[in-house]
Amino acid sequence: MEAGLQRMPSVPLLRRLVPMATRVCSSRGSAGSGAVGPVETAIRTKLEQALNPEVLELRNESSGHAVAPGSETHFRVAVVSSRFEGLSPLQRHRLVHEALSEELAGPVHALAIQARTPAQWRENPQLDTSPPCLGGSKKTRGTPSP
């Protein structure tokens, strides 16, 4: 082999390494500050324990909403687990809600869920993005300010 050229890893090796690499959890931290708060930590821990995910991506989107800085109220999660095999999207979401019942009853106001099987994630390995927050409520939106 010529100097400077590297051999590509074999397909079997890549098949073993990619799942290991994707198990690494990514997160922006609390409201984009880089710090991870207690609610985010609890969500991550409970989902890992309940679903043993191959991929768990958690994003605190609170900073994009009309909440105090450092809030932990709005989250987006991608959970990839073999536990979802053969389940409908509704059944998958119910498993996530069951694992996070305490957080959803308290500090978490919104949770966007992408619950996929490993095969589905391989087809589209991306965490979706949320639309921008319009702020306020439907009652006040579009009404002129005094």
Protein backbone atom coordinates (compact mmCIF):
# COMPACT_ATOMS: atom_id res chain seq x y z
CA MET A 1 0.00 0.00 0.00
CA GLU A 2 1.34 3.45 -0.90
CA ALA A 3 2.40 5.82 1.84
CA GLY A 4 -0.40 8.17 2.86
CA LEU A 5 -3.17 5.86 1.64
CA GLN A 6 -5.36 4.22 4.22
CA ARG A 7 -7.39 1.08 3.79
CA MET A 8 -11.15 1.37 4.32
CA PRO A 9 -12.51 -0.70 7.21
CA SER A 10 -14.35 -3.86 6.18
CA VAL A 11 -18.12 -3.89 5.98
CA PRO A 12 -18.46 -6.36 8.90
CA LEU A 13 -16.28 -4.09 11.03
CA LEU A 14 -18.34 -1.04 10.08
CA ARG A 15 -21.54 -2.89 10.96
CA ARG A 16 -20.17 -3.44 14.47
CA LEU A 17 -18.77 0.07 14.93
CA VAL A 18 -21.66 2.18 13.65
CA PRO A 19 -24.18 1.01 16.28
CA MET A 20 -21.60 1.64 19.00
CA ALA A 21 -20.92 5.12 17.71
CA THR A 22 -24.60 5.97 17.40
CA ARG A 23 -25.28 4.98 21.01
CA VAL A 24 -23.49 8.13 22.03
CA CYS A 25 -26.15 10.54 23.12
CA SER A 26 -26.12 14.02 21.71
CA SER A 27 -27.68 17.03 23.31
CA ARG A 28 -27.51 20.77 23.13
CA GLY A 29 -27.90 21.02 26.86
CA SER A 30 -30.41 23.08 28.78
CA ALA A 31 -31.88 25.76 26.59
CA GLY A 32 -28.76 25.80 24.42
CA SER A 33 -26.48 26.87 27.27
CA GLY A 34 -24.26 23.80 27.08
CA ALA A 35 -25.23 22.78 30.61
CA VAL A 36 -27.46 19.76 31.14
CA GLY A 37 -30.19 20.29 33.70
CA PRO A 38 -31.89 17.85 36.05
CA VAL A 39 -35.01 17.36 33.90
CA GLU A 40 -32.93 16.58 30.82
CA THR A 41 -30.80 14.17 32.85
CA ALA A 42 -33.92 12.42 34.19
CA ILE A 43 -35.41 12.10 30.70
CA ARG A 44 -32.22 10.60 29.33
CA THR A 45 -31.81 8.17 32.24
CA LYS A 46 -35.42 6.96 32.20
CA LEU A 47 -35.49 6.41 28.44
CA GLU A 48 -32.19 4.52 28.56
CA GLN A 49 -33.49 2.28 31.34
CA ALA A 50 -36.94 1.68 29.85
CA LEU A 51 -36.07 1.24 26.18
CA ASN A 52 -32.36 0.32 25.97
CA PRO A 53 -32.05 2.49 22.85
CA GLU A 54 -29.42 2.07 20.16
CA VAL A 55 -29.71 5.82 19.59
CA LEU A 56 -31.01 8.45 21.96
CA GLU A 57 -30.86 12.03 20.82
CA LEU A 58 -32.34 14.59 23.17
CA ARG A 59 -32.65 18.28 22.48
CA ASN A 60 -33.87 20.90 24.94
CA GLU A 61 -35.78 23.36 22.75
CA SER A 62 -36.98 25.54 25.62
CA SER A 63 -34.86 28.52 24.56
CA GLY A 64 -36.98 28.81 21.40
CA HIS A 65 -40.13 29.41 23.46
CA ALA A 66 -41.52 32.11 25.71
CA VAL A 67 -40.04 30.70 28.93
CA ALA A 68 -37.42 31.86 31.40
CA PRO A 69 -33.75 31.34 30.44
CA GLY A 70 -32.47 27.95 31.56
CA SER A 71 -35.96 26.39 31.49
CA GLU A 72 -36.49 22.70 30.81
CA THR A 73 -40.01 22.66 29.44
CA HIS A 74 -39.81 21.84 25.71
CA PHE A 75 -37.91 18.81 24.39
CA ARG A 76 -37.45 16.84 21.19
CA VAL A 77 -36.27 13.24 21.38
CA ALA A 78 -35.30 10.58 18.87
CA VAL A 79 -35.38 7.10 20.38
CA VAL A 80 -34.23 4.14 18.30
CA SER A 81 -34.98 0.83 19.95
CA SER A 82 -35.61 -2.76 18.95
CA ARG A 83 -38.44 -2.63 21.52
CA PHE A 84 -40.42 -0.72 18.87
CA GLU A 85 -40.35 -3.61 16.38
CA GLY A 86 -43.92 -4.57 15.42
CA LEU A 87 -45.49 -1.64 17.32
CA SER A 88 -47.57 1.14 15.80
CA PRO A 89 -46.38 4.76 16.20
CA LEU A 90 -49.07 5.25 18.86
CA GLN A 91 -47.84 2.23 20.85
CA ARG A 92 -44.27 3.49 20.62
CA HIS A 93 -45.25 6.92 21.88
CA ARG A 94 -47.15 5.33 24.74
CA LEU A 95 -43.97 3.52 25.83
CA VAL A 96 -42.07 6.82 25.84
CA HIS A 97 -44.89 8.56 27.75
CA GLU A 98 -45.01 5.74 30.27
CA ALA A 99 -41.28 6.05 30.92
CA LEU A 100 -41.58 9.83 31.35
CA SER A 101 -44.92 10.05 33.15
CA GLU A 102 -43.47 12.02 36.09
CA GLU A 103 -41.78 14.62 33.86
CA LEU A 104 -44.84 14.99 31.62
CA ALA A 105 -47.06 15.52 34.67
CA GLY A 106 -44.73 18.23 35.96
CA PRO A 107 -42.00 20.31 34.39
CA VAL A 108 -42.23 19.18 30.73
CA HIS A 109 -44.79 21.14 28.75
CA ALA A 110 -43.99 19.76 25.28
CA LEU A 111 -42.28 16.60 24.05
CA ALA A 112 -41.82 15.89 20.35
CA ILE A 113 -41.08 12.19 19.85
CA GLN A 114 -39.44 10.31 17.00
CA ALA A 115 -39.69 6.64 17.97
CA ARG A 116 -38.08 4.41 15.36
CA THR A 117 -36.79 0.91 14.90
CA PRO A 118 -33.11 0.49 14.05
CA ALA A 119 -33.99 -0.24 10.40
CA GLN A 120 -36.10 2.94 10.16
CA TRP A 121 -33.28 5.02 11.67
CA ARG A 122 -30.77 3.64 9.16
CA GLU A 123 -33.07 4.88 6.37
CA ASN A 124 -33.26 8.41 7.86
CA PRO A 125 -30.82 9.04 10.75
CA GLN A 126 -31.85 12.60 11.55
CA LEU A 127 -33.49 14.37 14.42
CA ASP A 128 -36.31 16.49 13.00
CA THR A 129 -36.45 20.21 13.71
CA SER A 130 -39.36 21.97 15.33
CA PRO A 131 -41.07 24.97 13.76
CA PRO A 132 -40.39 28.33 15.41
CA CYS A 133 -42.53 29.19 18.41
CA LEU A 134 -45.21 31.78 17.68
CA GLY A 135 -45.40 32.75 21.35
CA GLY A 136 -48.45 33.52 23.42
CA SER A 137 -51.69 31.62 23.13
CA LYS A 138 -54.13 31.16 20.29
CA LYS A 139 -56.42 33.69 21.96
CA THR A 140 -53.82 36.46 21.89
CA ARG A 141 -52.11 35.63 18.61
CA GLY A 142 -52.97 38.08 15.86
CA THR A 143 -54.65 40.61 18.15
CA PRO A 144 -53.29 44.16 18.12
CA SER A 145 -51.22 45.29 21.07
CA PRO A 146 -52.73 48.08 23.21
